[in-house]
Protein backbone atom coordinates (compact mmCIF):
# COMPACT_ATOMS: atom_id res chain seq x y z
CA MET A 1 27.46 -7.55 18.67
CA SER A 2 27.99 -10.77 20.32
CA ILE A 3 25.42 -12.59 22.56
CA THR A 4 27.38 -11.62 25.83
CA LYS A 5 27.32 -8.05 25.00
CA TRP A 6 23.67 -8.04 24.07
CA LEU A 7 22.90 -9.81 27.39
CA LYS A 8 24.83 -7.18 29.32
CA GLN A 9 22.42 -4.30 28.76
CA ASP A 10 20.10 -2.77 30.99
CA LYS A 11 16.99 -2.52 29.02
CA LEU A 12 13.40 -3.48 30.09
CA SER A 13 12.75 -5.09 26.75
CA LEU A 14 15.75 -7.51 27.23
CA GLY A 15 14.17 -8.57 30.63
CA LEU A 16 10.86 -9.17 29.12
CA LEU A 17 12.49 -11.23 26.23
CA ILE A 18 14.62 -13.27 28.71
CA ALA A 19 11.49 -13.98 30.86
CA LEU A 20 9.71 -15.38 27.67
CA ILE A 21 12.75 -17.59 26.81
CA ILE A 22 13.77 -19.33 29.96
CA PRO A 23 10.59 -20.87 31.09
CA VAL A 24 10.19 -23.21 27.91
CA PRO A 25 13.69 -25.03 27.95
CA ALA A 26 13.34 -25.25 31.92
CA ALA A 27 9.90 -26.79 31.76
CA LEU A 28 10.98 -29.34 28.95
CA PHE A 29 14.06 -30.31 31.08
CA PHE A 30 12.16 -30.77 34.21
CA ALA A 31 9.45 -32.74 32.20
CA VAL A 32 12.00 -35.11 30.94
CA LEU A 33 13.59 -35.65 34.19
CA LEU A 34 10.09 -36.18 35.75
CA ARG A 35 9.30 -38.95 33.07
CA MET A 36 12.69 -40.36 33.59
CA VAL A 37 12.16 -40.59 37.30
CA GLN A 38 8.50 -42.01 36.88
CA TYR A 39 9.57 -44.63 34.31
CA ASN A 40 12.57 -45.90 36.03
CA LEU A 41 11.84 -45.49 39.85
CA HIS A 42 8.04 -45.55 39.73
CA TYR A 43 8.16 -42.61 42.01
CA LEU A 44 6.45 -39.26 41.76
CA GLY A 45 3.47 -40.63 39.95
CA LYS A 46 0.95 -37.93 41.21
CA VAL A 47 2.94 -34.95 39.87
CA ARG A 48 0.95 -33.11 37.20
CA ASP A 49 2.41 -31.77 33.79
CA VAL A 50 0.73 -28.33 34.82
CA ASP A 51 3.10 -28.29 38.05
CA ILE A 52 6.19 -28.68 35.79
CA LEU A 53 5.14 -25.41 33.87
CA LEU A 54 5.23 -23.46 37.07
CA LEU A 55 8.38 -24.93 37.87
CA GLY A 56 9.74 -23.63 34.56
CA ILE A 57 8.37 -20.26 35.32
CA ALA A 58 9.97 -20.29 38.67
CA MET A 59 13.43 -20.46 36.77
CA ASN A 60 12.86 -16.81 35.91
CA LEU A 61 13.61 -16.10 39.50
CA VAL A 62 17.16 -17.20 39.14
CA ALA A 63 17.94 -14.86 36.09
CA MET A 64 16.16 -12.13 37.82
CA ARG A 65 18.49 -12.40 40.79
CA PHE A 66 21.40 -12.66 38.46
CA TYR A 67 20.56 -9.58 36.83
CA PHE A 68 19.72 -7.54 39.99
CA VAL A 69 22.55 -8.72 42.32
CA LYS A 70 25.60 -9.54 39.99
CA PHE A 71 25.09 -6.93 37.17
CA LYS A 72 23.05 -4.27 38.96
CA PHE A 73 20.80 -3.98 35.95
CA GLU A 74 17.43 -2.66 37.49
CA HIS A 75 15.63 -2.38 34.26
CA THR A 76 16.25 -5.87 32.97
CA GLY A 77 15.50 -7.42 36.41
CA LYS A 78 12.16 -5.40 36.53
CA GLY A 79 11.51 -6.56 33.09
CA ILE A 80 11.99 -10.35 34.06
CA LEU A 81 10.03 -9.54 37.38
CA ILE A 82 6.96 -8.11 35.48
CA LEU A 83 6.47 -10.87 33.14
CA THR A 84 7.04 -13.64 35.64
CA VAL A 85 4.48 -12.30 37.89
CA PHE A 86 2.04 -11.89 34.91
CA MET A 87 2.87 -15.67 33.76
CA ILE A 88 2.23 -16.81 37.32
CA LEU A 89 -0.98 -14.94 37.64
CA LEU A 90 -2.22 -16.47 34.35
CA PHE A 91 -1.06 -19.90 35.42
CA PHE A 92 -3.36 -19.55 38.60
CA ILE A 93 -6.12 -18.23 36.83
CA PHE A 94 -6.17 -20.63 33.78
CA LEU A 95 -4.18 -23.59 34.47
CA LYS A 96 -4.10 -24.54 37.94
CA ASN A 97 -6.98 -27.07 37.84
CA SER A 98 -6.62 -28.11 34.30
CA ASN A 99 -5.59 -31.57 32.86
CA PHE A 100 -2.90 -30.26 30.60
CA THR A 101 -0.45 -32.99 29.57
CA ILE A 102 2.87 -32.70 27.77
CA PRO A 103 2.72 -35.11 24.80
CA PHE A 104 5.66 -37.29 25.74
């Protein structure tokens, strides 16, 4: 089964898997972008690495809208929504006031 056919299924488990996979590369992309801006332009010095993680989690909303609006896949969209809300709650409970840093 090809990846495109696999991604065009209406399954709750697929939504949960997508919601787990998207924040990691998104947070890494935004962290690298932030480091480049901080190093080259000496701007955005007060942005914490924890805030970048929240931005990575927020990228799930783009995928959720894509599955709800374009494909009309309710179960996949609900899976993304459930895990995104859970991850945001965990963020605000455990990481909001921490000094977590990305090691690069």
